PDB file of N, CA and C in Angstrom:
ATOM      1  N   MET A   1      -2.838  33.200   1.411  1.00  0.00           N
ATOM      2  CA  MET A   1      -3.101  32.235   0.127  1.00  0.00           C
ATOM      3  C   MET A   1      -4.419  31.417   0.131  1.00  0.00           C
ATOM      4  N   ILE A   2      -4.992  30.845   1.394  1.00  0.00           N
ATOM      5  CA  ILE A   2      -6.484  29.767   1.180  1.00  0.00           C
ATOM      6  C   ILE A   2      -7.059  30.636   0.627  1.00  0.00           C
ATOM      7  N   THR A   3      -7.266  31.999   1.266  1.00  0.00           N
ATOM      8  CA  THR A   3      -8.366  32.951   0.841  1.00  0.00           C
ATOM      9  C   THR A   3      -8.399  33.080  -0.385  1.00  0.00           C
ATOM     10  N   SER A   4      -7.665  33.393  -0.921  1.00  0.00           N
ATOM     11  CA  SER A   4      -6.888  34.039  -1.885  1.00  0.00           C
ATOM     12  C   SER A   4      -7.493  32.431  -3.258  1.00  0.00           C
ATOM     13  N   SER A   5      -6.882  31.616  -2.843  1.00  0.00           N
ATOM     14  CA  SER A   5      -6.922  29.832  -3.874  1.00  0.00           C
ATOM     15  C   SER A   5      -8.698  29.871  -3.543  1.00  0.00           C
ATOM     16  N   LEU A   6      -9.503  29.761  -2.590  1.00  0.00           N
ATOM     17  CA  LEU A   6     -10.989  29.731  -2.342  1.00  0.00           C
ATOM     18  C   LEU A   6     -11.797  30.777  -3.246  1.00  0.00           C
ATOM     19  N   LEU A   7     -11.146  32.235  -3.338  1.00  0.00           N
ATOM     20  CA  LEU A   7     -12.069  33.033  -4.141  1.00  0.00           C
ATOM     21  C   LEU A   7     -11.651  32.672  -5.856  1.00  0.00           C
ATOM     22  N   ASN A   8     -10.586  32.893  -6.368  1.00  0.00           N
ATOM     23  CA  ASN A   8     -10.481  32.265  -7.902  1.00  0.00           C
ATOM     24  C   ASN A   8     -11.183  30.968  -7.765  1.00  0.00           C
ATOM     25  N   ALA A   9     -11.343  30.179  -7.016  1.00  0.00           N
ATOM     26  CA  ALA A   9     -11.908  28.319  -7.467  1.00  0.00           C
ATOM     27  C   ALA A   9     -13.799  29.234  -7.473  1.00  0.00           C
ATOM     28  N   PHE A  10     -13.928  30.034  -6.513  1.00  0.00           N
ATOM     29  CA  PHE A  10     -15.527  30.049  -6.986  1.00  0.00           C
ATOM     30  C   PHE A  10     -15.343  30.979  -8.510  1.00  0.00           C
ATOM     31  N   ARG A  11     -14.741  32.110  -8.661  1.00  0.00           N
ATOM     32  CA  ARG A  11     -14.929  32.724  -9.552  1.00  0.00           C
ATOM     33  C   ARG A  11     -14.789  31.961 -10.697  1.00  0.00           C
ATOM     34  N   ASN A  12     -13.877  30.775 -11.504  1.00  0.00           N
ATOM     35  CA  ASN A  12     -13.518  30.364 -11.882  1.00  0.00           C
ATOM     36  C   ASN A  12     -15.034  29.044 -12.462  1.00  0.00           C
ATOM     37  N   ALA A  13     -15.286  28.434 -11.028  1.00  0.00           N
ATOM     38  CA  ALA A  13     -16.235  27.135 -11.006  1.00  0.00           C
ATOM     39  C   ALA A  13     -17.775  28.552 -11.669  1.00  0.00           C
ATOM     40  N   SER A  14     -17.407  29.643 -11.288  1.00  0.00           N
ATOM     41  CA  SER A  14     -18.592  30.434 -11.490  1.00  0.00           C
ATOM     42  C   SER A  14     -18.942  30.744 -13.074  1.00  0.00           C
ATOM     43  N   ARG A  15     -17.617  30.661 -13.505  1.00  0.00           N
ATOM     44  CA  ARG A  15     -17.870  30.680 -15.344  1.00  0.00           C
ATOM     45  C   ARG A  15     -18.827  29.600 -15.798  1.00  0.00           C
ATOM     46  N   ALA A  16     -18.848  28.187 -15.000  1.00  0.00           N
ATOM     47  CA  ALA A  16     -19.679  27.017 -15.830  1.00  0.00           C
ATOM     48  C   ALA A  16     -21.356  27.247 -15.205  1.00  0.00           C
ATOM     49  N   ARG A  17     -21.712  28.151 -14.497  1.00  0.00           N
ATOM     50  CA  ARG A  17     -22.689  28.799 -13.984  1.00  0.00           C
ATOM     51  C   ARG A  17     -23.978  28.239 -15.338  1.00  0.00           C
ATOM     52  N   ARG A  18     -24.854  27.560 -14.842  1.00  0.00           N
ATOM     53  CA  ARG A  18     -26.554  27.896 -15.384  1.00  0.00           C
ATOM     54  C   ARG A  18     -27.656  28.340 -15.538  1.00  0.00           C
ATOM     55  N   TYR A  19     -27.938  28.872 -16.548  1.00  0.00           N
ATOM     56  CA  TYR A  19     -28.672  29.977 -16.651  1.00  0.00           C
ATOM     57  C   TYR A  19     -30.148  29.344 -16.968  1.00  0.00           C
ATOM     58  N   LEU A  20     -31.196  29.671 -16.754  1.00  0.00           N
ATOM     59  CA  LEU A  20     -32.785  29.706 -17.089  1.00  0.00           C
ATOM     60  C   LEU A  20     -33.225  31.197 -17.802  1.00  0.00           C
ATOM     61  N   VAL A  21     -33.217  29.942 -19.103  1.00  0.00           N
ATOM     62  CA  VAL A  21     -33.875  31.497 -20.262  1.00  0.00           C
ATOM     63  C   VAL A  21     -35.592  31.571 -20.032  1.00  0.00           C
ATOM     64  N   GLY A  22     -36.470  32.471 -20.232  1.00  0.00           N
ATOM     65  CA  GLY A  22     -37.288  32.463 -20.071  1.00  0.00           C
ATOM     66  C   GLY A  22     -37.763  33.349 -21.152  1.00  0.00           C
ATOM     67  N   SER A  23     -38.898  33.335 -21.731  1.00  0.00           N
ATOM     68  CA  SER A  23     -39.000  34.449 -22.082  1.00  0.00           C
ATOM     69  C   SER A  23     -39.591  35.789 -22.416  1.00  0.00           C
ATOM     70  N   THR A  24     -38.992  36.009 -20.624  1.00  0.00           N
ATOM     71  CA  THR A  24     -38.825  37.460 -19.897  1.00  0.00           C
ATOM     72  C   THR A  24     -37.612  38.166 -20.002  1.00  0.00           C
ATOM     73  N   ALA A  25     -37.212  36.921 -19.384  1.00  0.00           N
ATOM     74  CA  ALA A  25     -35.851  37.978 -18.608  1.00  0.00           C
ATOM     75  C   ALA A  25     -35.008  35.845 -18.311  1.00  0.00           C
ATOM     76  N   VAL A  26     -33.788  36.040 -17.931  1.00  0.00           N
ATOM     77  CA  VAL A  26     -32.026  35.398 -17.983  1.00  0.00           C
ATOM     78  C   VAL A  26     -32.088  35.296 -15.788  1.00  0.00           C
ATOM     79  N   GLN A  27     -32.477  33.701 -15.754  1.00  0.00           N
ATOM     80  CA  GLN A  27     -32.288  34.279 -14.601  1.00  0.00           C
ATOM     81  C   GLN A  27     -30.916  32.631 -13.908  1.00  0.00           C
ATOM     82  N   PRO A  28     -30.192  33.406 -13.319  1.00  0.00           N
ATOM     83  CA  PRO A  28     -28.768  32.305 -13.168  1.00  0.00           C
ATOM     84  C   PRO A  28     -28.935  31.338 -12.040  1.00  0.00           C
ATOM     85  N   LEU A  29     -28.890  30.356 -12.236  1.00  0.00           N
ATOM     86  CA  LEU A  29     -29.145  29.564 -11.348  1.00  0.00           C
ATOM     87  C   LEU A  29     -27.924  29.351 -10.206  1.00  0.00           C
ATOM     88  N   ARG A  30     -28.108  28.437  -9.125  1.00  0.00           N
ATOM     89  CA  ARG A  30     -26.623  28.417  -8.103  1.00  0.00           C
ATOM     90  C   ARG A  30     -25.856  27.411  -8.451  1.00  0.00           C
ATOM     91  N   LEU A  31     -24.868  27.494  -7.813  1.00  0.00           N
ATOM     92  CA  LEU A  31     -23.840  26.566  -8.626  1.00  0.00           C
ATOM     93  C   LEU A  31     -24.194  25.475  -7.930  1.00  0.00           C
ATOM     94  N   SER A  32     -24.147  24.327  -8.568  1.00  0.00           N
ATOM     95  CA  SER A  32     -23.967  23.505  -8.114  1.00  0.00           C
ATOM     96  C   SER A  32     -22.671  22.202  -7.884  1.00  0.00           C
ATOM     97  N   ALA A  33     -22.843  21.249  -7.148  1.00  0.00           N
ATOM     98  CA  ALA A  33     -21.623  20.383  -7.186  1.00  0.00           C
ATOM     99  C   ALA A  33     -20.951  20.078  -8.486  1.00  0.00           C
ATOM    100  N   ARG A  34     -22.001  19.844  -9.338  1.00  0.00           N
ATOM    101  CA  ARG A  34     -20.734  19.798 -10.337  1.00  0.00           C
ATOM    102  C   ARG A  34     -19.937  20.367 -11.002  1.00  0.00           C
ATOM    103  N   GLU A  35     -20.518  22.107 -10.560  1.00  0.00           N
ATOM    104  CA  GLU A  35     -19.656  23.096 -11.573  1.00  0.00           C
ATOM    105  C   GLU A  35     -18.612  22.872 -10.616  1.00  0.00           C
ATOM    106  N   ILE A  36     -18.080  23.243  -9.406  1.00  0.00           N
ATOM    107  CA  ILE A  36     -17.163  23.003  -8.844  1.00  0.00           C
ATOM    108  C   ILE A  36     -16.617  21.361  -8.618  1.00  0.00           C
ATOM    109  N   THR A  37     -17.066  20.521  -8.715  1.00  0.00           N
ATOM    110  CA  THR A  37     -15.976  19.461  -8.854  1.00  0.00           C
ATOM    111  C   THR A  37     -15.203  19.390 -10.340  1.00  0.00           C
ATOM    112  N   ASP A  38     -16.214  20.022 -11.501  1.00  0.00           N
ATOM    113  CA  ASP A  38     -15.380  19.732 -12.675  1.00  0.00           C
ATOM    114  C   ASP A  38     -14.281  21.262 -12.199  1.00  0.00           C
ATOM    115  N   TRP A  39     -14.571  22.086 -12.016  1.00  0.00           N
ATOM    116  CA  TRP A  39     -13.149  22.891 -11.588  1.00  0.00           C
ATOM    117  C   TRP A  39     -11.932  22.204 -10.654  1.00  0.00           C
ATOM    118  N   LEU A  40     -12.087  21.727  -9.533  1.00  0.00           N
ATOM    119  CA  LEU A  40     -11.991  21.055  -8.799  1.00  0.00           C
ATOM    120  C   LEU A  40     -10.768  20.059  -9.028  1.00  0.00           C
ATOM    121  N   GLU A  41     -11.618  19.079 -10.128  1.00  0.00           N
ATOM    122  CA  GLU A  41     -10.910  17.881 -10.479  1.00  0.00           C
ATOM    123  C   GLU A  41      -9.547  18.605 -11.099  1.00  0.00           C
ATOM    124  N   VAL A  42      -9.460  19.217 -11.894  1.00  0.00           N
ATOM    125  CA  VAL A  42      -8.607  19.917 -12.812  1.00  0.00           C
ATOM    126  C   VAL A  42      -7.714  20.680 -11.822  1.00  0.00           C
ATOM    127  N   HIS A  43      -7.972  21.899 -11.064  1.00  0.00           N
ATOM    128  CA  HIS A  43      -7.509  22.226  -9.618  1.00  0.00           C
ATOM    129  C   HIS A  43      -7.679  21.907  -8.703  1.00  0.00           C
ATOM    130  N   PRO A  44      -7.090  21.535  -7.698  1.00  0.00           N
ATOM    131  CA  PRO A  44      -7.683  20.685  -6.691  1.00  0.00           C
ATOM    132  C   PRO A  44      -7.004  21.973  -5.664  1.00  0.00           C
ATOM    133  N   LEU A  45      -7.963  21.861  -4.688  1.00  0.00           N
ATOM    134  CA  LEU A  45      -7.324  22.746  -2.921  1.00  0.00           C
ATOM    135  C   LEU A  45      -6.868  22.259  -2.137  1.00  0.00           C
ATOM    136  N   PRO A  46      -6.034  22.288  -1.179  1.00  0.00           N
ATOM    137  CA  PRO A  46      -5.417  21.649   0.037  1.00  0.00           C
ATOM    138  C   PRO A  46      -6.544  21.950   0.973  1.00  0.00           C
ATOM    139  N   LEU A  47      -7.553  21.836   0.723  1.00  0.00           N
ATOM    140  CA  LEU A  47      -8.321  21.738   1.821  1.00  0.00           C
ATOM    141  C   LEU A  47      -9.567  20.561   1.548  1.00  0.00           C
ATOM    142  N   PRO A  48     -10.024  20.341   3.088  1.00  0.00           N
ATOM    143  CA  PRO A  48     -11.597  18.825   2.383  1.00  0.00           C
ATOM    144  C   PRO A  48     -12.547  19.407   2.092  1.00  0.00           C
ATOM    145  N   ARG A  49     -13.084  17.986   1.188  1.00  0.00           N
ATOM    146  CA  ARG A  49     -14.340  19.596   0.122  1.00  0.00           C
ATOM    147  C   ARG A  49     -15.454  19.727   0.801  1.00  0.00           C
ATOM    148  N   LEU A  50     -15.890  18.886   1.869  1.00  0.00           N
ATOM    149  CA  LEU A  50     -16.627  19.804   2.876  1.00  0.00           C
ATOM    150  C   LEU A  50     -16.999  21.398   2.877  1.00  0.00           C
ATOM    151  N   ILE A  51     -15.418  21.772   3.102  1.00  0.00           N
ATOM    152  CA  ILE A  51     -15.254  23.181   3.727  1.00  0.00           C
ATOM    153  C   ILE A  51     -15.449  23.701   2.404  1.00  0.00           C
ATOM    154  N   VAL A  52     -14.519  23.294   1.118  1.00  0.00           N
ATOM    155  CA  VAL A  52     -14.463  23.579   0.239  1.00  0.00           C
ATOM    156  C   VAL A  52     -16.133  24.207  -0.701  1.00  0.00           C
ATOM    157  N   ASP A  53     -16.930  23.335   0.075  1.00  0.00           N
ATOM    158  CA  ASP A  53     -18.299  23.679  -0.555  1.00  0.00           C
ATOM    159  C   ASP A  53     -19.590  24.414   0.113  1.00  0.00           C
ATOM    160  N   GLU A  54     -18.970  24.437   1.864  1.00  0.00           N
ATOM    161  CA  GLU A  54     -19.116  25.563   2.112  1.00  0.00           C
ATOM    162  C   GLU A  54     -19.307  26.893   1.961  1.00  0.00           C
ATOM    163  N   VAL A  55     -17.929  27.048   1.701  1.00  0.00           N
ATOM    164  CA  VAL A  55     -17.653  28.600   1.690  1.00  0.00           C
ATOM    165  C   VAL A  55     -17.961  28.897   0.210  1.00  0.00           C
ATOM    166  N   MET A  56     -17.874  27.640  -1.075  1.00  0.00           N
ATOM    167  CA  MET A  56     -18.514  28.007  -2.276  1.00  0.00           C
ATOM    168  C   MET A  56     -19.842  28.248  -2.197  1.00  0.00           C
ATOM    169  N   PHE A  57     -20.469  27.494  -1.602  1.00  0.00           N
ATOM    170  CA  PHE A  57     -22.190  27.892  -1.560  1.00  0.00           C
ATOM    171  C   PHE A  57     -22.628  29.858  -1.018  1.00  0.00           C
ATOM    172  N   ALA A  58     -21.627  29.679   0.198  1.00  0.00           N
ATOM    173  CA  ALA A  58     -21.943  31.053   0.744  1.00  0.00           C
ATOM    174  C   ALA A  58     -21.746  32.120   0.102  1.00  0.00           C
ATOM    175  N   LEU A  59     -20.319  32.059  -0.980  1.00  0.00           N
ATOM    176  CA  LEU A  59     -19.937  33.094  -1.895  1.00  0.00           C
ATOM    177  C   LEU A  59     -21.062  33.108  -3.173  1.00  0.00           C
ATOM    178  N   ASP A  60     -21.792  31.987  -2.856  1.00  0.00           N
ATOM    179  CA  ASP A  60     -22.498  31.697  -4.808  1.00  0.00           C
ATOM    180  C   ASP A  60     -23.811  32.622  -4.177  1.00  0.00           C
ATOM    181  N   GLU A  61     -24.478  32.139  -2.586  1.00  0.00           N
ATOM    182  CA  GLU A  61     -25.563  32.929  -1.923  1.00  0.00           C
ATOM    183  C   GLU A  61     -25.205  34.871  -1.906  1.00  0.00           C
ATOM    184  N   ILE A  62     -24.156  35.190  -1.974  1.00  0.00           N
ATOM    185  CA  ILE A  62     -24.231  36.545  -2.052  1.00  0.00           C
ATOM    186  C   ILE A  62     -24.043  36.662  -2.738  1.00  0.00           C
ATOM    187  N   ALA A  63     -23.231  36.337  -4.081  1.00  0.00           N
ATOM    188  CA  ALA A  63     -23.216  36.804  -5.585  1.00  0.00           C
ATOM    189  C   ALA A  63     -24.627  36.650  -6.407  1.00  0.00           C
ATOM    190  N   LEU A  64     -25.412  35.956  -5.922  1.00  0.00           N
ATOM    191  CA  LEU A  64     -26.815  35.848  -6.911  1.00  0.00           C
ATOM    192  C   LEU A  64     -28.036  36.885  -5.631  1.00  0.00           C
ATOM    193  N   ALA A  65     -27.897  36.536  -4.798  1.00  0.00           N
ATOM    194  CA  ALA A  65     -28.123  37.914  -4.051  1.00  0.00           C
ATOM    195  C   ALA A  65     -27.896  39.474  -4.239  1.00  0.00           C
ATOM    196  N   LYS A  66     -26.560  39.871  -4.462  1.00  0.00           N
ATOM    197  CA  LYS A  66     -25.830  41.328  -5.685  1.00  0.00           C
ATOM    198  C   LYS A  66     -26.444  41.407  -6.300  1.00  0.00           C
ATOM    199  N   GLU A  67     -27.138  40.160  -6.955  1.00  0.00           N
ATOM    200  CA  GLU A  67     -26.908  40.517  -8.937  1.00  0.00           C
ATOM    201  C   GLU A  67     -28.321  40.818  -8.524  1.00  0.00           C
ATOM    202  N   ALA A  68     -29.363  39.707  -8.059  1.00  0.00           N
ATOM    203  CA  ALA A  68     -30.822  40.301  -7.759  1.00  0.00           C
ATOM    204  C   ALA A  68     -31.116  41.802  -7.621  1.00  0.00           C
ATOM    205  N   ASP A  69     -30.240  42.343  -6.695  1.00  0.00           N
ATOM    206  CA  ASP A  69     -29.853  43.685  -6.104  1.00  0.00           C
ATOM    207  C   ASP A  69     -30.048  44.848  -7.028  1.00  0.00           C
ATOM    208  N   GLU A  70     -29.393  44.547  -7.977  1.00  0.00           N
ATOM    209  CA  GLU A  70     -29.081  44.896  -9.061  1.00  0.00           C
ATOM    210  C   GLU A  70     -30.212  44.984 -10.665  1.00  0.00           C
TER     211      GLU A  70
END
Protein backbone atom coordinates (compact mmCIF):
# COMPACT_ATOMS: atom_id res chain seq x y z
CA MET A 1 0.00 0.00 0.00
CA ILE A 2 2.75 2.47 0.90
CA THR A 3 4.80 1.61 -2.17
CA SER A 4 1.87 2.05 -4.53
CA SER A 5 0.93 5.33 -2.80
CA LEU A 6 4.46 6.68 -3.25
CA LEU A 7 4.62 5.57 -6.89
CA ASN A 8 1.23 7.12 -7.58
CA ALA A 9 2.28 10.37 -5.90
CA PHE A 10 5.47 10.47 -7.98
CA ARG A 11 3.59 9.79 -11.21
CA ASN A 12 1.13 12.58 -10.52
CA ALA A 13 3.65 15.08 -9.19
CA SER A 14 5.72 14.42 -12.32
CA ARG A 15 2.85 15.63 -14.45
CA ALA A 16 3.58 19.13 -13.12
CA ARG A 17 7.24 18.88 -14.15
CA ARG A 18 8.71 22.02 -15.65
CA TYR A 19 10.78 21.98 -18.84
CA LEU A 20 13.58 24.15 -20.12
CA VAL A 21 12.82 25.02 -23.72
CA GLY A 22 15.79 25.97 -25.85
CA SER A 23 16.17 26.66 -29.53
CA THR A 24 17.35 23.11 -30.23
CA ALA A 25 15.96 20.95 -27.42
CA VAL A 26 13.48 20.62 -24.60
CA GLN A 27 15.04 19.49 -21.33
CA PRO A 28 13.02 18.24 -18.35
CA LEU A 29 13.91 19.88 -15.05
CA ARG A 30 14.15 18.05 -11.74
CA LEU A 31 11.05 17.95 -9.62
CA SER A 32 10.99 20.65 -7.02
CA ALA A 33 9.45 20.62 -3.58
CA ARG A 34 6.71 22.84 -5.03
CA GLU A 35 5.42 20.14 -7.40
CA ILE A 36 5.49 17.58 -4.60
CA THR A 37 3.78 19.95 -2.17
CA ASP A 38 1.05 20.79 -4.67
CA TRP A 39 0.18 17.10 -4.98
CA LEU A 40 0.43 16.34 -1.26
CA GLU A 41 -1.81 19.25 -0.28
CA VAL A 42 -4.66 17.60 -2.16
CA HIS A 43 -3.65 13.95 -1.63
CA PRO A 44 -1.76 13.62 1.68
CA LEU A 45 0.26 10.49 2.43
CA PRO A 46 0.52 8.85 5.86
CA LEU A 47 4.30 9.28 5.91
CA PRO A 48 6.68 11.94 7.20
CA ARG A 49 7.43 14.56 4.57
CA LEU A 50 11.17 13.87 4.83
CA ILE A 51 10.66 10.28 3.67
CA VAL A 52 8.27 11.31 0.91
CA ASP A 53 10.77 13.87 -0.41
CA GLU A 54 13.66 11.38 -0.31
CA VAL A 55 11.65 8.82 -2.28
CA MET A 56 10.32 11.38 -4.77
CA PHE A 57 13.75 12.84 -5.49
CA ALA A 58 15.30 9.36 -5.84
CA LEU A 59 12.57 8.29 -8.27
CA ASP A 60 13.03 11.53 -10.17
CA GLU A 61 16.76 10.89 -10.57
CA ILE A 62 16.00 7.43 -11.96
CA ALA A 63 13.36 8.78 -14.34
CA LEU A 64 15.62 11.56 -15.63
CA ALA A 65 18.56 9.18 -16.07
CA LYS A 66 16.37 6.79 -18.03
CA GLU A 67 15.09 9.60 -20.22
CA ALA A 68 18.64 10.81 -20.86
CA ASP A 69 19.66 7.33 -22.01
CA GLU A 70 16.88 7.20 -24.60
